[in-house]
Amino acid sequence: IAEIERNIPCTISFARRLRVENDSSRICSRHFTSYAPGKSPFTGKGVIYGTLDLGVDFNHPEFVDASGNTRFLKVYLPDDNTGIPPTIDGETLPGSEYGAADVPTLTADTIDYSHGTHTISTAVGSFFGNNYYGYAPEADIVAVASRNLTDVNVLNSIAYVFDEARRLNRPAVVSLSLSSYLGPHNE
């Protein structure tokens, strides 16, 4: 152990003030075309952005269109059994689904986290009152919010998003900001 400890680089530094840099993500990723609102031909219009995450504020100002209407087409809450369960190809999934008309009555899926709000805003946020809007501010959203981040729930959630896209005959993309500590990490 002493041999290992001697080979680990160690530094000490004073605390530094940090700042939010999400407005720089479009620049750092070289996505200049979406940097100026209204000037990009790639706005996400007609595309469904799907996600499975935790901590989604469904009524955040980043998730409304220019008229103030929600951009959520559907919200699926696998951990909520108070609504109507969704079905895919005749199979019933656990939980409840909500349509756009229901979104104003929804609250954040959890008050403990805000990761989902952050990731959705980065991808498709549409509030142009600052520099923190997303890459595809005109995409519609199908969100799944759940604390139960198992592989089965992930697969059901992806299927849910693409089933909605198929029903609407629209292209879709799914973004997952998830990981696991299980299995080998040498590849």
Protein backbone atom coordinates (compact mmCIF):
# COMPACT_ATOMS: atom_id res chain seq x y z
CA ILE A 1 0.00 0.00 0.00
CA ALA A 2 2.80 2.42 0.80
CA GLU A 3 4.23 1.85 -2.70
CA ILE A 4 0.89 2.67 -4.32
CA GLU A 5 0.41 5.80 -2.21
CA ARG A 6 3.80 7.18 -3.27
CA ASN A 7 2.82 6.96 -6.96
CA ILE A 8 -0.45 8.88 -6.65
CA PRO A 9 -0.02 12.53 -7.63
CA CYS A 10 -1.37 14.89 -5.01
CA THR A 11 -2.04 18.60 -5.22
CA ILE A 12 -3.45 21.15 -2.85
CA SER A 13 -5.08 24.33 -4.04
CA PHE A 14 -7.15 27.18 -2.67
CA ALA A 15 -10.86 27.27 -3.32
CA ARG A 16 -11.74 28.95 -6.58
CA ARG A 17 -15.03 30.54 -7.50
CA LEU A 18 -16.70 28.61 -10.30
CA ARG A 19 -19.50 29.63 -12.62
CA VAL A 20 -22.18 28.00 -14.71
CA GLU A 21 -20.89 27.25 -18.20
CA ASN A 22 -23.78 25.51 -19.90
CA ASP A 23 -24.04 28.47 -22.26
CA SER A 24 -20.62 27.45 -23.61
CA SER A 25 -21.60 23.88 -24.49
CA ARG A 26 -22.73 24.83 -28.02
CA ILE A 27 -19.40 26.59 -28.61
CA CYS A 28 -17.24 23.83 -27.10
CA SER A 29 -19.04 21.16 -29.10
CA ARG A 30 -18.62 23.28 -32.24
CA HIS A 31 -22.38 23.54 -32.71
CA PHE A 32 -22.20 27.14 -33.88
CA THR A 33 -25.28 26.92 -36.09
CA SER A 34 -27.58 26.74 -33.09
CA TYR A 35 -25.79 29.44 -31.13
CA ALA A 36 -27.98 32.35 -32.25
CA PRO A 37 -31.72 31.91 -31.71
CA GLY A 38 -33.71 31.93 -34.92
CA LYS A 39 -30.63 31.68 -37.16
CA SER A 40 -30.18 27.92 -37.30
CA PRO A 41 -31.88 25.67 -39.83
CA PHE A 42 -31.54 22.88 -37.24
CA THR A 43 -34.08 23.68 -34.54
CA GLY A 44 -35.51 20.23 -33.86
CA LYS A 45 -38.86 21.21 -35.33
CA GLY A 46 -40.85 18.07 -36.10
CA VAL A 47 -38.53 15.84 -34.05
CA ILE A 48 -39.40 14.12 -30.78
CA TYR A 49 -36.77 14.34 -28.07
CA GLY A 50 -37.14 11.50 -25.59
CA THR A 51 -35.42 10.98 -22.29
CA LEU A 52 -35.44 8.89 -19.13
CA ASP A 53 -34.16 10.81 -16.15
CA LEU A 54 -34.84 11.85 -12.59
CA GLY A 55 -35.75 15.30 -11.35
CA VAL A 56 -37.85 16.81 -14.15
CA ASP A 57 -39.71 20.07 -13.53
CA PHE A 58 -42.42 19.64 -16.16
CA ASN A 59 -43.48 23.28 -15.96
CA HIS A 60 -40.03 24.85 -16.28
CA PRO A 61 -39.96 27.86 -18.67
CA GLU A 62 -37.41 26.03 -20.86
CA PHE A 63 -40.13 23.58 -21.91
CA VAL A 64 -42.73 25.85 -23.49
CA ASP A 65 -43.10 27.10 -27.05
CA ALA A 66 -43.29 30.74 -28.18
CA SER A 67 -47.02 30.79 -27.33
CA GLY A 68 -46.42 29.53 -23.80
CA ASN A 69 -47.75 26.02 -24.45
CA THR A 70 -45.96 22.97 -23.10
CA ARG A 71 -43.68 21.12 -25.51
CA PHE A 72 -44.26 17.83 -23.66
CA LEU A 73 -46.33 15.56 -25.87
CA LYS A 74 -46.38 12.81 -23.25
CA VAL A 75 -44.99 12.17 -19.80
CA TYR A 76 -44.60 8.62 -18.54
CA LEU A 77 -44.13 8.09 -14.80
CA PRO A 78 -43.37 4.38 -14.18
CA ASP A 79 -43.45 4.89 -10.39
CA ASP A 80 -46.89 6.59 -10.37
CA ASN A 81 -49.95 4.36 -10.34
CA THR A 82 -52.57 7.11 -9.98
CA GLY A 83 -53.25 7.58 -13.69
CA ILE A 84 -53.81 5.49 -16.78
CA PRO A 85 -51.08 2.91 -17.50
CA PRO A 86 -49.57 3.09 -20.99
CA THR A 87 -49.70 0.19 -23.42
CA ILE A 88 -47.30 -0.73 -26.20
CA ASP A 89 -48.44 -3.31 -28.75
CA GLY A 90 -51.09 -4.56 -26.33
CA GLU A 91 -48.69 -4.88 -23.40
CA THR A 92 -49.40 -2.75 -20.34
CA LEU A 93 -46.44 -0.98 -18.74
CA PRO A 94 -46.30 -0.16 -15.03
CA GLY A 95 -47.06 3.40 -13.99
CA SER A 96 -49.06 6.20 -15.58
CA GLU A 97 -48.89 8.32 -18.70
CA TYR A 98 -50.01 11.90 -19.06
CA GLY A 99 -50.72 13.98 -22.17
CA ALA A 100 -49.89 17.61 -22.91
CA ALA A 101 -53.17 18.77 -21.35
CA ASP A 102 -52.17 17.11 -18.06
CA VAL A 103 -48.67 18.63 -17.87
CA PRO A 104 -49.71 21.91 -16.19
CA THR A 105 -51.08 19.86 -13.28
CA LEU A 106 -47.88 17.86 -12.84
CA THR A 107 -45.18 18.88 -10.41
CA ALA A 108 -41.56 17.83 -10.51
CA ASP A 109 -41.25 14.05 -10.21
CA THR A 110 -38.98 14.56 -7.18
CA ILE A 111 -37.79 17.51 -5.14
CA ASP A 112 -34.50 15.77 -4.35
CA TYR A 113 -32.95 16.10 -7.80
CA SER A 114 -33.02 18.37 -10.84
CA HIS A 115 -30.82 16.36 -13.19
CA GLY A 116 -33.63 15.71 -15.68
CA THR A 117 -34.48 19.40 -15.94
CA HIS A 118 -30.80 20.13 -16.60
CA THR A 119 -30.30 17.48 -19.29
CA ILE A 120 -33.55 18.25 -21.12
CA SER A 121 -32.76 21.99 -21.02
CA THR A 122 -29.30 21.40 -22.43
CA ALA A 123 -30.71 19.40 -25.33
CA VAL A 124 -33.98 21.17 -26.15
CA GLY A 125 -34.44 24.15 -23.82
CA SER A 126 -36.32 27.00 -25.49
CA PHE A 127 -36.09 29.98 -23.13
CA PHE A 128 -34.22 32.64 -25.10
CA GLY A 129 -34.11 35.20 -22.26
CA ASN A 130 -30.51 34.15 -21.57
CA ASN A 131 -27.70 32.16 -23.21
CA TYR A 132 -28.68 28.81 -21.69
CA TYR A 133 -31.18 27.54 -24.28
CA GLY A 134 -30.74 24.13 -25.87
CA TYR A 135 -29.50 22.75 -29.16
CA ALA A 136 -32.97 21.94 -30.54
CA PRO A 137 -35.35 24.49 -29.00
CA GLU A 138 -38.31 23.56 -31.23
CA ALA A 139 -38.27 19.78 -30.64
CA ASP A 140 -41.25 18.23 -28.90
CA ILE A 141 -40.58 16.27 -25.73
CA VAL A 142 -41.60 12.83 -24.51
CA ALA A 143 -40.21 12.37 -21.03
CA VAL A 144 -39.99 9.45 -18.68
CA ALA A 145 -39.19 10.35 -15.08
CA SER A 146 -38.42 7.61 -12.59
CA ARG A 147 -36.35 6.80 -9.52
CA ASN A 148 -36.38 3.17 -10.63
CA LEU A 149 -33.44 3.21 -13.04
CA THR A 150 -33.21 -0.50 -13.78
CA ASP A 151 -32.27 -1.94 -17.14
CA VAL A 152 -35.87 -3.18 -17.63
CA ASN A 153 -37.24 0.30 -16.89
CA VAL A 154 -34.73 1.84 -19.30
CA LEU A 155 -35.78 -0.52 -22.09
CA ASN A 156 -39.50 0.11 -21.39
CA SER A 157 -38.86 3.85 -21.45
CA ILE A 158 -37.01 3.78 -24.76
CA ALA A 159 -39.79 1.64 -26.23
CA TYR A 160 -42.36 4.13 -24.89
CA VAL A 161 -40.67 7.08 -26.62
CA PHE A 162 -40.30 5.30 -29.96
CA ASP A 163 -43.86 3.95 -29.77
CA GLU A 164 -45.13 7.52 -29.43
CA ALA A 165 -42.94 8.61 -32.37
CA ARG A 166 -44.24 5.70 -34.46
CA ARG A 167 -47.86 6.61 -33.63
CA LEU A 168 -47.21 10.20 -34.73
CA ASN A 169 -45.06 9.14 -37.70
CA ARG A 170 -42.21 11.39 -36.59
CA PRO A 171 -38.47 10.95 -36.10
CA ALA A 172 -37.23 10.61 -32.54
CA VAL A 173 -34.01 10.62 -30.60
CA VAL A 174 -33.56 9.34 -27.04
CA SER A 175 -30.97 10.73 -24.68
CA LEU A 176 -29.93 8.82 -21.57
CA SER A 177 -27.55 10.32 -19.05
CA LEU A 178 -27.13 7.14 -17.04
CA SER A 179 -24.35 4.82 -15.98
CA SER A 180 -23.63 1.79 -13.84
CA TYR A 181 -20.75 0.68 -11.68
CA LEU A 182 -21.40 -2.98 -12.47
CA GLY A 183 -19.25 -5.00 -14.84
CA PRO A 184 -15.74 -4.43 -16.18
CA HIS A 185 -14.51 -0.89 -16.75
CA ASN A 186 -11.42 -1.67 -18.81
CA GLU A 187 -12.90 -1.12 -22.28
